Amino acid sequence: MRRFLPLLFLAATACTMTNPEPAVPVDDWVPPADVTSGFNEREPDTCKASTLQAWVGQPVAMLDTSGAPGPVRIIAQDEVVDQEEYRSARINLHVDRRGTVRLLTCG
């Protein structure tokens, strides 16, 4: 047993910790959120969609969009919408498979 004691000591010294590298400093600062109304909040009615709530439940083909307060975009069910094209003054008409308006949003 005493023969293996130096070997055991050598193996134990190989397992010791080396000097750890200094940790990279972490900056916990978070930039303030942009609270520009219309893009982040989307609650302000920037496109005046609330004035057109009568369109909900109507067939999109029967609507006269010329009286809308701004441009109108029709979004079909399951259609992908690119957020890079967001325009706060535009009215989005979300329609189901039958062409019935289900939701009005700005964008």
Protein backbone atom coordinates (compact mmCIF):
# COMPACT_ATOMS: atom_id res chain seq x y z
CA MET A 1 0.00 0.00 0.00
CA ARG A 2 2.85 2.37 0.81
CA ARG A 3 4.20 1.81 -2.68
CA PHE A 4 1.13 3.46 -4.18
CA LEU A 5 1.12 6.43 -1.79
CA PRO A 6 3.48 8.61 -3.92
CA LEU A 7 1.47 7.72 -7.03
CA LEU A 8 -1.77 8.64 -5.24
CA PHE A 9 -0.23 11.94 -4.10
CA LEU A 10 0.90 12.71 -7.66
CA ALA A 11 -2.59 11.96 -9.02
CA ALA A 12 -4.19 14.19 -6.37
CA THR A 13 -1.92 17.13 -7.24
CA ALA A 14 -2.86 16.78 -10.90
CA CYS A 15 -6.49 17.37 -9.92
CA THR A 16 -5.88 20.67 -8.13
CA MET A 17 -7.39 23.83 -9.54
CA THR A 18 -5.33 26.18 -11.60
CA ASN A 19 -5.76 29.91 -11.29
CA PRO A 20 -9.08 30.68 -12.94
CA GLU A 21 -9.12 33.28 -15.67
CA PRO A 22 -10.68 36.57 -14.63
CA ALA A 23 -14.38 36.69 -15.38
CA VAL A 24 -15.58 38.84 -18.23
CA PRO A 25 -17.37 41.87 -16.83
CA VAL A 26 -21.10 41.77 -17.48
CA ASP A 27 -23.02 44.95 -18.08
CA ASP A 28 -26.50 44.68 -16.56
CA TRP A 29 -27.68 47.91 -18.17
CA VAL A 30 -30.73 47.46 -20.35
CA PRO A 31 -31.62 50.20 -22.82
CA PRO A 32 -34.96 51.89 -22.18
CA ALA A 33 -37.88 50.61 -24.22
CA ASP A 34 -39.17 52.71 -27.08
CA VAL A 35 -42.64 53.84 -26.09
CA THR A 36 -43.48 55.61 -29.32
CA SER A 37 -47.22 55.30 -29.62
CA GLY A 38 -48.57 53.32 -32.52
CA PHE A 39 -45.74 50.85 -33.01
CA ASN A 40 -44.94 49.32 -29.65
CA GLU A 41 -48.16 49.98 -27.79
CA ARG A 42 -50.63 49.53 -30.62
CA GLU A 43 -53.35 50.53 -28.20
CA PRO A 44 -53.67 54.09 -29.42
CA ASP A 45 -56.06 54.05 -32.32
CA THR A 46 -53.61 55.62 -34.78
CA CYS A 47 -55.57 54.41 -37.82
CA LYS A 48 -59.02 55.26 -36.40
CA ALA A 49 -60.14 51.63 -36.70
CA SER A 50 -62.61 52.18 -33.86
CA THR A 51 -64.73 54.28 -36.23
CA LEU A 52 -65.09 51.27 -38.55
CA GLN A 53 -66.18 48.59 -36.07
CA ALA A 54 -69.42 48.20 -38.06
CA TRP A 55 -67.31 46.42 -40.69
CA VAL A 56 -66.69 43.46 -38.35
CA GLY A 57 -68.90 40.56 -39.41
CA GLN A 58 -69.46 41.97 -42.91
CA PRO A 59 -68.29 40.32 -46.15
CA VAL A 60 -65.14 42.11 -47.27
CA ALA A 61 -66.36 42.12 -50.89
CA MET A 62 -69.35 44.26 -49.90
CA LEU A 63 -67.35 46.97 -48.08
CA ASP A 64 -66.74 50.39 -49.56
CA THR A 65 -63.19 51.09 -48.36
CA SER A 66 -63.05 54.45 -50.12
CA GLY A 67 -64.55 56.05 -47.02
CA ALA A 68 -61.83 54.68 -44.74
CA PRO A 69 -59.73 57.30 -42.90
CA GLY A 70 -56.53 55.79 -44.34
CA PRO A 71 -55.14 53.00 -46.50
CA VAL A 72 -56.66 49.54 -46.06
CA ARG A 73 -54.91 46.15 -46.19
CA ILE A 74 -56.85 42.89 -46.34
CA ILE A 75 -55.20 40.02 -44.48
CA ALA A 76 -56.54 36.54 -45.17
CA GLN A 77 -56.71 33.87 -42.49
CA ASP A 78 -53.30 32.16 -42.00
CA GLU A 79 -51.59 34.83 -44.13
CA VAL A 80 -48.11 35.80 -42.95
CA VAL A 81 -47.76 39.51 -42.22
CA ASP A 82 -44.33 41.13 -42.24
CA GLN A 83 -43.92 43.55 -39.32
CA GLU A 84 -41.31 45.51 -41.26
CA GLU A 85 -44.17 46.83 -43.39
CA TYR A 86 -45.95 48.27 -40.36
CA ARG A 87 -47.72 51.58 -41.00
CA SER A 88 -49.56 53.03 -38.04
CA ALA A 89 -52.13 54.86 -40.20
CA ARG A 90 -53.13 51.77 -42.21
CA ILE A 91 -56.20 49.70 -41.33
CA ASN A 92 -55.80 45.92 -41.43
CA LEU A 93 -58.93 43.92 -42.19
CA HIS A 94 -58.45 40.37 -40.91
CA VAL A 95 -60.82 38.10 -42.80
CA ASP A 96 -61.71 34.43 -42.36
CA ARG A 97 -61.83 31.77 -45.08
CA ARG A 98 -65.32 32.91 -46.12
CA GLY A 99 -64.16 36.51 -46.61
CA THR A 100 -65.90 37.86 -43.52
CA VAL A 101 -64.12 40.59 -41.55
CA ARG A 102 -63.25 39.23 -38.10
CA LEU A 103 -60.90 41.89 -36.71
CA LEU A 104 -59.71 45.44 -37.42
CA THR A 105 -56.21 46.51 -36.40
CA CYS A 106 -53.77 49.27 -37.22
CA GLY A 107 -50.65 48.45 -39.13
